[in-house]
Amino acid sequence: MMSCEKILIAGFSGAGKSSFLKELEYQAPSSDWDFQDLDQLILKSRGRGYQDLSSLIEAVGWEKFRLWERQELEGFLKDEGKGVLALGGGSLNQLVLDLYKPSRKIGICFLATPFEDCWERLHLETSEPRPLLKLGKIELARIYEERLKIFEQIPWRIENKKGTDLSVISKKFWEQLSPS
C-alpha cells in the first residue's frame, strides 16, 4: 500500500467504523497515531447542551451538520502528525472524495459492510440514538445504494460482514498501510 499521514475510514452508517477505529487504536504499530471519530468531534466542539448527535442534528438540521462535518474534517487534515478519522456515514461525498483522492499523504479506507448488516447494527442498543433510523428501512436502503457509488470509487477496501473479527481486519489494515 502506501505510507499515509492521515487516514479516513469511510462507510455507511452502521458499518462499524467507530468499533473498527477502537480496534485500530488498540493495535496501532506505534503511539504516533491520533484516533478520532468525526461525529464525536462535532458533538464535542459544537454540541454543547445536547445529549447526543441525533438531538443536535434535529436542532440544527442536516445542512448545517454537513457543513460542520466538512469543517471538522478540514481541521483534522490540517493538524500536524499522523491520524485516523472515522467519518460519519454521509460525510464522504463526491466533492470530498475528489479533493482528497489524489493525495499521497491522505489514505481513504472503505469499510465495506452489506446493507442488511448495517441495518441490523443500527438497531442495536446503544447509548446514542441513530438519526437515520427515523427514515425507515426503504429510504435508508436507497441512501445506501446512492452512497455506495461513492464508496466503491475507493480502492482501499476492507470487508466487514456480519461475524467478522475486527482484530483480524485491523491487522490487515496495518499490514496494507505499511510500505513493503
C-alpha atoms as a PDB file:
ATOM      1  CA  MET A   1       0.000   0.000   0.000  1.00  0.00           C
ATOM      2  CA  MET A   2       1.286   3.443   0.815  1.00  0.00           C
ATOM      3  CA  SER A   3       2.608   5.487   3.648  1.00  0.00           C
ATOM      4  CA  CYS A   4      -0.009   7.989   4.828  1.00  0.00           C
ATOM      5  CA  GLU A   5      -0.062  10.713   7.426  1.00  0.00           C
ATOM      6  CA  LYS A   6      -3.845  10.873   7.612  1.00  0.00           C
ATOM      7  CA  ILE A   7      -6.321   8.064   7.060  1.00  0.00           C
ATOM      8  CA  LEU A   8     -10.067   8.420   6.649  1.00  0.00           C
ATOM      9  CA  ILE A   9     -12.310   5.454   7.433  1.00  0.00           C
ATOM     10  CA  ALA A  10     -15.430   5.645   5.250  1.00  0.00           C
ATOM     11  CA  GLY A  11     -18.535   3.513   5.220  1.00  0.00           C
ATOM     12  CA  PHE A  12     -22.277   3.606   5.637  1.00  0.00           C
ATOM     13  CA  SER A  13     -23.978   4.259   8.982  1.00  0.00           C
ATOM     14  CA  GLY A  14     -23.783   1.050  10.982  1.00  0.00           C
ATOM     15  CA  ALA A  15     -20.783  -0.241   9.013  1.00  0.00           C
ATOM     16  CA  GLY A  16     -18.743  -0.489  12.211  1.00  0.00           C
ATOM     17  CA  LYS A  17     -16.420   2.476  11.671  1.00  0.00           C
ATOM     18  CA  SER A  18     -16.331   3.537  15.337  1.00  0.00           C
ATOM     19  CA  SER A  19     -15.725  -0.016  16.568  1.00  0.00           C
ATOM     20  CA  PHE A  20     -13.077  -0.523  13.886  1.00  0.00           C
ATOM     21  CA  LEU A  21     -11.401   2.738  14.940  1.00  0.00           C
ATOM     22  CA  LYS A  22     -11.132   1.493  18.530  1.00  0.00           C
ATOM     23  CA  GLU A  23      -9.564  -1.763  17.359  1.00  0.00           C
ATOM     24  CA  LEU A  24      -7.139   0.126  15.100  1.00  0.00           C
ATOM     25  CA  GLU A  25      -6.081   2.247  18.067  1.00  0.00           C
ATOM     26  CA  TYR A  26      -5.589  -0.859  20.176  1.00  0.00           C
ATOM     27  CA  GLN A  27      -3.396  -2.496  17.505  1.00  0.00           C
ATOM     28  CA  ALA A  28      -1.549   0.615  16.319  1.00  0.00           C
ATOM     29  CA  PRO A  29       2.073  -0.135  15.471  1.00  0.00           C
ATOM     30  CA  SER A  30       3.187   2.997  17.342  1.00  0.00           C
ATOM     31  CA  SER A  31       1.830   5.706  19.600  1.00  0.00           C
ATOM     32  CA  ASP A  32       2.413   8.302  16.852  1.00  0.00           C
ATOM     33  CA  TRP A  33      -1.174   7.969  15.660  1.00  0.00           C
ATOM     34  CA  ASP A  34      -4.129  10.086  16.804  1.00  0.00           C
ATOM     35  CA  PHE A  35      -7.547   8.387  16.560  1.00  0.00           C
ATOM     36  CA  GLN A  36     -10.726  10.450  16.205  1.00  0.00           C
ATOM     37  CA  ASP A  37     -14.383   9.901  15.361  1.00  0.00           C
ATOM     38  CA  LEU A  38     -15.867  12.738  13.274  1.00  0.00           C
ATOM     39  CA  ASP A  39     -19.300  12.527  14.900  1.00  0.00           C
ATOM     40  CA  GLN A  40     -17.730  12.782  18.349  1.00  0.00           C
ATOM     41  CA  LEU A  41     -15.543  15.728  17.277  1.00  0.00           C
ATOM     42  CA  ILE A  42     -18.674  17.588  16.155  1.00  0.00           C
ATOM     43  CA  LEU A  43     -20.590  16.740  19.302  1.00  0.00           C
ATOM     44  CA  LYS A  44     -17.665  17.896  21.453  1.00  0.00           C
ATOM     45  CA  SER A  45     -16.973  21.139  19.579  1.00  0.00           C
ATOM     46  CA  ARG A  46     -20.488  22.206  18.578  1.00  0.00           C
ATOM     47  CA  GLY A  47     -22.915  20.168  20.618  1.00  0.00           C
ATOM     48  CA  ARG A  48     -22.800  21.854  23.995  1.00  0.00           C
ATOM     49  CA  GLY A  49     -26.161  21.361  25.674  1.00  0.00           C
ATOM     50  CA  TYR A  50     -27.094  18.350  23.530  1.00  0.00           C
ATOM     51  CA  GLN A  51     -27.049  14.832  24.908  1.00  0.00           C
ATOM     52  CA  ASP A  52     -26.324  13.118  21.619  1.00  0.00           C
ATOM     53  CA  LEU A  53     -25.723  13.639  17.919  1.00  0.00           C
ATOM     54  CA  SER A  54     -29.315  12.868  16.999  1.00  0.00           C
ATOM     55  CA  SER A  55     -30.705  15.721  19.112  1.00  0.00           C
ATOM     56  CA  LEU A  56     -28.037  18.095  17.775  1.00  0.00           C
ATOM     57  CA  ILE A  57     -28.975  17.259  14.172  1.00  0.00           C
ATOM     58  CA  GLU A  58     -32.675  17.681  14.949  1.00  0.00           C
ATOM     59  CA  ALA A  59     -31.960  21.127  16.382  1.00  0.00           C
ATOM     60  CA  VAL A  60     -29.664  22.499  13.658  1.00  0.00           C
ATOM     61  CA  GLY A  61     -30.694  20.465  10.601  1.00  0.00           C
ATOM     62  CA  TRP A  62     -28.730  18.269   8.217  1.00  0.00           C
ATOM     63  CA  GLU A  63     -27.398  21.142   6.095  1.00  0.00           C
ATOM     64  CA  LYS A  64     -25.630  22.848   8.987  1.00  0.00           C
ATOM     65  CA  PHE A  65     -24.473  19.480  10.333  1.00  0.00           C
ATOM     66  CA  ARG A  66     -22.887  18.606   6.946  1.00  0.00           C
ATOM     67  CA  LEU A  67     -21.105  21.982   6.950  1.00  0.00           C
ATOM     68  CA  TRP A  68     -19.725  21.240  10.400  1.00  0.00           C
ATOM     69  CA  GLU A  69     -18.591  17.791   9.215  1.00  0.00           C
ATOM     70  CA  ARG A  70     -16.637  19.389   6.396  1.00  0.00           C
ATOM     71  CA  GLN A  71     -15.071  21.977   8.711  1.00  0.00           C
ATOM     72  CA  GLU A  72     -14.036  19.372  11.295  1.00  0.00           C
ATOM     73  CA  LEU A  73     -12.638  17.136   8.543  1.00  0.00           C
ATOM     74  CA  GLU A  74     -10.565  20.001   7.152  1.00  0.00           C
ATOM     75  CA  GLY A  75      -9.302  20.825  10.653  1.00  0.00           C
ATOM     76  CA  PHE A  76      -8.317  17.214  11.277  1.00  0.00           C
ATOM     77  CA  LEU A  77      -6.427  17.035   7.992  1.00  0.00           C
ATOM     78  CA  LYS A  78      -4.562  20.280   8.730  1.00  0.00           C
ATOM     79  CA  ASP A  79      -3.424  19.151  12.177  1.00  0.00           C
ATOM     80  CA  GLU A  80       0.184  18.071  12.458  1.00  0.00           C
ATOM     81  CA  GLY A  81       1.030  14.413  12.924  1.00  0.00           C
ATOM     82  CA  LYS A  82      -0.444  11.100  11.930  1.00  0.00           C
ATOM     83  CA  GLY A  83      -4.135  10.479  12.421  1.00  0.00           C
ATOM     84  CA  VAL A  84      -7.008   8.139  11.686  1.00  0.00           C
ATOM     85  CA  LEU A  85     -10.512   9.599  11.451  1.00  0.00           C
ATOM     86  CA  ALA A  86     -13.732   7.584  11.321  1.00  0.00           C
ATOM     87  CA  LEU A  87     -16.045   9.610   9.098  1.00  0.00           C
ATOM     88  CA  GLY A  88     -19.764   9.982   9.561  1.00  0.00           C
ATOM     89  CA  GLY A  89     -21.793   7.736   7.258  1.00  0.00           C
ATOM     90  CA  GLY A  90     -22.729  10.598   4.930  1.00  0.00           C
ATOM     91  CA  SER A  91     -19.718  12.882   5.233  1.00  0.00           C
ATOM     92  CA  LEU A  92     -17.918  11.442   2.213  1.00  0.00           C
ATOM     93  CA  ASN A  93     -19.471  12.873  -0.918  1.00  0.00           C
ATOM     94  CA  GLN A  94     -18.131  13.163  -4.452  1.00  0.00           C
ATOM     95  CA  LEU A  95     -16.597  16.596  -3.832  1.00  0.00           C
ATOM     96  CA  VAL A  96     -14.719  15.467  -0.732  1.00  0.00           C
ATOM     97  CA  LEU A  97     -13.601  12.279  -2.465  1.00  0.00           C
ATOM     98  CA  ASP A  98     -12.314  14.226  -5.475  1.00  0.00           C
ATOM     99  CA  LEU A  99     -10.442  16.682  -3.236  1.00  0.00           C
ATOM    100  CA  TYR A 100      -8.583  14.067  -1.197  1.00  0.00           C
ATOM    101  CA  LYS A 101      -8.300  11.126  -3.592  1.00  0.00           C
ATOM    102  CA  PRO A 102      -5.130  12.319  -5.328  1.00  0.00           C
ATOM    103  CA  SER A 103      -3.215  12.987  -2.107  1.00  0.00           C
ATOM    104  CA  ARG A 104      -0.401  10.630  -1.231  1.00  0.00           C
ATOM    105  CA  LYS A 105      -0.456  11.787   2.368  1.00  0.00           C
ATOM    106  CA  ILE A 106      -4.146  11.013   2.852  1.00  0.00           C
ATOM    107  CA  GLY A 107      -5.489   7.494   2.549  1.00  0.00           C
ATOM    108  CA  ILE A 108      -9.171   6.631   2.411  1.00  0.00           C
ATOM    109  CA  CYS A 109     -10.237   3.161   3.507  1.00  0.00           C
ATOM    110  CA  PHE A 110     -13.736   1.914   2.711  1.00  0.00           C
ATOM    111  CA  LEU A 111     -15.153  -0.342   5.416  1.00  0.00           C
ATOM    112  CA  ALA A 112     -17.456  -2.353   3.164  1.00  0.00           C
ATOM    113  CA  THR A 113     -20.473  -3.693   5.018  1.00  0.00           C
ATOM    114  CA  PRO A 114     -23.639  -5.136   3.416  1.00  0.00           C
ATOM    115  CA  PHE A 115     -26.800  -3.073   3.935  1.00  0.00           C
ATOM    116  CA  GLU A 116     -28.594  -5.749   5.974  1.00  0.00           C
ATOM    117  CA  ASP A 117     -25.661  -5.866   8.419  1.00  0.00           C
ATOM    118  CA  CYS A 118     -25.727  -2.052   8.740  1.00  0.00           C
ATOM    119  CA  TRP A 119     -29.492  -2.099   9.274  1.00  0.00           C
ATOM    120  CA  GLU A 120     -29.175  -4.720  11.997  1.00  0.00           C
ATOM    121  CA  ARG A 121     -26.351  -2.832  13.752  1.00  0.00           C
ATOM    122  CA  LEU A 122     -28.289   0.436  13.641  1.00  0.00           C
ATOM    123  CA  HIS A 123     -30.963  -1.262  15.743  1.00  0.00           C
ATOM    124  CA  LEU A 124     -28.598  -2.479  18.445  1.00  0.00           C
ATOM    125  CA  GLU A 125     -28.983  -0.892  21.852  1.00  0.00           C
ATOM    126  CA  THR A 126     -26.526   1.986  22.084  1.00  0.00           C
ATOM    127  CA  SER A 127     -26.110   4.925  24.376  1.00  0.00           C
ATOM    128  CA  GLU A 128     -26.909   7.223  21.475  1.00  0.00           C
ATOM    129  CA  PRO A 129     -29.907   7.091  19.113  1.00  0.00           C
ATOM    130  CA  ARG A 130     -29.137   6.790  15.407  1.00  0.00           C
ATOM    131  CA  PRO A 131     -30.511   9.770  13.441  1.00  0.00           C
ATOM    132  CA  LEU A 132     -31.039   7.893  10.166  1.00  0.00           C
ATOM    133  CA  LEU A 133     -33.302   5.243  11.675  1.00  0.00           C
ATOM    134  CA  LYS A 134     -36.186   7.710  11.578  1.00  0.00           C
ATOM    135  CA  LEU A 135     -36.133   7.499   7.771  1.00  0.00           C
ATOM    136  CA  GLY A 136     -37.139   3.827   7.703  1.00  0.00           C
ATOM    137  CA  LYS A 137     -35.575   0.831   6.003  1.00  0.00           C
ATOM    138  CA  ILE A 138     -36.704   1.550   2.426  1.00  0.00           C
ATOM    139  CA  GLU A 139     -35.339   5.104   2.423  1.00  0.00           C
ATOM    140  CA  LEU A 140     -32.155   4.007   4.177  1.00  0.00           C
ATOM    141  CA  ALA A 141     -31.610   1.277   1.562  1.00  0.00           C
ATOM    142  CA  ARG A 142     -31.985   3.902  -1.182  1.00  0.00           C
ATOM    143  CA  ILE A 143     -29.429   6.166   0.528  1.00  0.00           C
ATOM    144  CA  TYR A 144     -27.095   3.175   0.969  1.00  0.00           C
ATOM    145  CA  GLU A 145     -27.193   2.435  -2.777  1.00  0.00           C
ATOM    146  CA  GLU A 146     -26.595   6.101  -3.572  1.00  0.00           C
ATOM    147  CA  ARG A 147     -23.588   6.343  -1.245  1.00  0.00           C
ATOM    148  CA  LEU A 148     -22.241   3.003  -2.418  1.00  0.00           C
ATOM    149  CA  LYS A 149     -21.493   4.636  -5.799  1.00  0.00           C
ATOM    150  CA  ILE A 150     -19.078   6.954  -3.996  1.00  0.00           C
ATOM    151  CA  PHE A 151     -17.633   4.339  -1.629  1.00  0.00           C
ATOM    152  CA  GLU A 152     -16.882   1.937  -4.485  1.00  0.00           C
ATOM    153  CA  GLN A 153     -14.519   4.506  -6.015  1.00  0.00           C
ATOM    154  CA  ILE A 154     -12.186   3.975  -3.065  1.00  0.00           C
ATOM    155  CA  PRO A 155      -9.532   1.408  -3.979  1.00  0.00           C
ATOM    156  CA  TRP A 156      -8.556   0.615  -0.366  1.00  0.00           C
ATOM    157  CA  ARG A 157     -11.394  -1.636   0.747  1.00  0.00           C
ATOM    158  CA  ILE A 158     -11.767  -3.823   3.820  1.00  0.00           C
ATOM    159  CA  GLU A 159     -14.758  -6.151   4.143  1.00  0.00           C
ATOM    160  CA  ASN A 160     -16.701  -6.059   7.408  1.00  0.00           C
ATOM    161  CA  LYS A 161     -19.532  -8.553   7.072  1.00  0.00           C
ATOM    162  CA  LYS A 162     -21.526  -9.912   9.990  1.00  0.00           C
ATOM    163  CA  GLY A 163     -19.319 -12.105  12.149  1.00  0.00           C
ATOM    164  CA  THR A 164     -16.047 -10.516  11.001  1.00  0.00           C
ATOM    165  CA  ASP A 165     -13.397 -10.335  13.705  1.00  0.00           C
ATOM    166  CA  LEU A 166     -12.338  -6.682  13.989  1.00  0.00           C
ATOM    167  CA  SER A 167      -8.910  -7.653  15.293  1.00  0.00           C
ATOM    168  CA  VAL A 168      -8.289  -9.632  12.080  1.00  0.00           C
ATOM    169  CA  ILE A 169      -9.289  -6.802   9.763  1.00  0.00           C
ATOM    170  CA  SER A 170      -7.366  -4.329  11.909  1.00  0.00           C
ATOM    171  CA  LYS A 171      -4.196  -6.369  11.398  1.00  0.00           C
ATOM    172  CA  LYS A 172      -4.938  -6.452   7.675  1.00  0.00           C
ATOM    173  CA  PHE A 173      -5.367  -2.665   7.707  1.00  0.00           C
ATOM    174  CA  TRP A 174      -1.989  -2.021   9.351  1.00  0.00           C
ATOM    175  CA  GLU A 175      -0.283  -4.548   7.034  1.00  0.00           C
ATOM    176  CA  GLN A 176      -1.702  -2.801   3.963  1.00  0.00           C
ATOM    177  CA  LEU A 177      -0.615   0.574   5.281  1.00  0.00           C
ATOM    178  CA  SER A 178       2.984  -0.386   5.927  1.00  0.00           C
ATOM    179  CA  PRO A 179       5.285   0.193   2.987  1.00  0.00           C
ATOM    180  CA  SER A 180       6.715  -3.034   1.589  1.00  0.00           C
END
